[in-house]
C-alpha atoms as a PDB file:
ATOM      1  CA  MET A   1       0.000   0.000   0.000  1.00  0.00           C
ATOM      2  CA  THR A   2       1.302   3.390  -0.949  1.00  0.00           C
ATOM      3  CA  GLN A   3       1.560   5.959   1.808  1.00  0.00           C
ATOM      4  CA  VAL A   4       2.626   9.579   1.817  1.00  0.00           C
ATOM      5  CA  GLN A   5       3.541  11.432   4.983  1.00  0.00           C
ATOM      6  CA  VAL A   6       2.641  15.105   4.875  1.00  0.00           C
ATOM      7  CA  LYS A   7       5.834  17.016   5.554  1.00  0.00           C
ATOM      8  CA  PRO A   8       5.931  20.143   7.723  1.00  0.00           C
ATOM      9  CA  ASN A   9       5.025  23.280   5.781  1.00  0.00           C
ATOM     10  CA  GLU A  10       3.677  21.167   2.890  1.00  0.00           C
ATOM     11  CA  THR A  11       0.233  21.833   1.499  1.00  0.00           C
ATOM     12  CA  LEU A  12      -2.285  19.071   1.086  1.00  0.00           C
ATOM     13  CA  ASP A  13      -2.252  19.625  -2.682  1.00  0.00           C
ATOM     14  CA  GLN A  14       1.495  18.954  -2.838  1.00  0.00           C
ATOM     15  CA  ALA A  15       1.127  15.780  -0.765  1.00  0.00           C
ATOM     16  CA  LEU A  16      -1.751  14.627  -2.981  1.00  0.00           C
ATOM     17  CA  LYS A  17       0.373  15.242  -6.072  1.00  0.00           C
ATOM     18  CA  ARG A  18       3.184  13.089  -4.606  1.00  0.00           C
ATOM     19  CA  PHE A  19       0.655  10.387  -3.717  1.00  0.00           C
ATOM     20  CA  LYS A  20      -0.792  10.301  -7.236  1.00  0.00           C
ATOM     21  CA  LYS A  21       2.712  10.078  -8.701  1.00  0.00           C
ATOM     22  CA  GLN A  22       3.590   7.127  -6.458  1.00  0.00           C
ATOM     23  CA  ILE A  23       0.323   5.367  -7.321  1.00  0.00           C
ATOM     24  CA  GLN A  24       1.035   5.759 -11.021  1.00  0.00           C
ATOM     25  CA  GLN A  25       4.632   4.549 -10.697  1.00  0.00           C
ATOM     26  CA  THR A  26       3.625   1.410  -8.801  1.00  0.00           C
ATOM     27  CA  GLY A  27       0.880   0.588 -11.322  1.00  0.00           C
ATOM     28  CA  VAL A  28      -1.906   0.293  -8.758  1.00  0.00           C
ATOM     29  CA  LEU A  29      -4.306   2.442 -10.751  1.00  0.00           C
ATOM     30  CA  ARG A  30      -3.679   0.557 -14.002  1.00  0.00           C
ATOM     31  CA  GLU A  31      -4.251  -2.770 -12.268  1.00  0.00           C
ATOM     32  CA  ALA A  32      -7.481  -1.526 -10.702  1.00  0.00           C
ATOM     33  CA  ARG A  33      -8.749  -0.431 -14.119  1.00  0.00           C
ATOM     34  CA  GLU A  34      -7.895  -3.837 -15.578  1.00  0.00           C
ATOM     35  CA  HIS A  35      -9.880  -5.614 -12.857  1.00  0.00           C
ATOM     36  CA  TYR A  36     -12.843  -3.252 -13.063  1.00  0.00           C
ATOM     37  CA  GLU A  37     -14.708  -5.533 -15.415  1.00  0.00           C
ATOM     38  CA  TYR A  38     -13.884  -8.982 -16.777  1.00  0.00           C
ATOM     39  CA  GLN A  39     -12.507  -9.219 -20.301  1.00  0.00           C
ATOM     40  CA  LYS A  40     -12.494 -12.448 -22.197  1.00  0.00           C
ATOM     41  CA  PRO A  41      -8.993 -13.482 -23.291  1.00  0.00           C
ATOM     42  CA  SER A  42     -10.014 -13.206 -26.956  1.00  0.00           C
ATOM     43  CA  ASP A  43     -11.249  -9.634 -26.417  1.00  0.00           C
ATOM     44  CA  ARG A  44      -8.073  -8.732 -24.548  1.00  0.00           C
ATOM     45  CA  LYS A  45      -5.944 -10.089 -27.402  1.00  0.00           C
ATOM     46  CA  ARG A  46      -8.029  -8.259 -30.022  1.00  0.00           C
ATOM     47  CA  LYS A  47      -7.582  -5.025 -28.083  1.00  0.00           C
ATOM     48  CA  GLN A  48      -3.807  -5.540 -27.850  1.00  0.00           C
ATOM     49  CA  ILE A  49      -3.552  -6.209 -31.594  1.00  0.00           C
ATOM     50  CA  ALA A  50      -5.570  -3.079 -32.392  1.00  0.00           C
ATOM     51  CA  ALA A  51      -3.326  -1.006 -30.099  1.00  0.00           C
ATOM     52  CA  ALA A  52      -0.215  -2.431 -31.771  1.00  0.00           C
ATOM     53  CA  LYS A  53      -1.609  -1.537 -35.204  1.00  0.00           C
ATOM     54  CA  ARG A  54      -2.359   2.033 -34.102  1.00  0.00           C
ATOM     55  CA  LYS A  55       1.119   2.348 -32.623  1.00  0.00           C
ATOM     56  CA  GLN A  56       2.748   1.008 -35.802  1.00  0.00           C
ATOM     57  CA  LYS A  57       0.638   3.310 -37.974  1.00  0.00           C
ATOM     58  CA  LEU A  58       1.662   6.297 -35.862  1.00  0.00           C
ATOM     59  CA  LYS A  59       5.312   5.265 -36.031  1.00  0.00           C
ATOM     60  CA  ASN A  60       5.160   4.898 -39.812  1.00  0.00           C
ATOM     61  CA  SER A  61       3.438   8.229 -40.307  1.00  0.00           C
ATOM     62  CA  THR A  62       6.041  10.120 -38.240  1.00  0.00           C
ATOM     63  CA  SER A  63       8.994   8.423 -39.915  1.00  0.00           C
ATOM     64  CA  ASN A  64       7.763   9.390 -43.409  1.00  0.00           C
ATOM     65  CA  GLU A  65       7.886  13.104 -42.651  1.00  0.00           C
END
């Protein structure tokens, strides 16, 4: 579990920003989103393939310029 101690003379906004950064670095938020709703393995694979195609298309379009 990620914890952030609020330092003296630190605003709550700054502590919250550090907390969010730690959560993102550890991957807790991504994992929670993945477990939000069940995905069939075939759907998960189809989504990964589509993302790879978009990434490749973007890479090809930037290299042509």
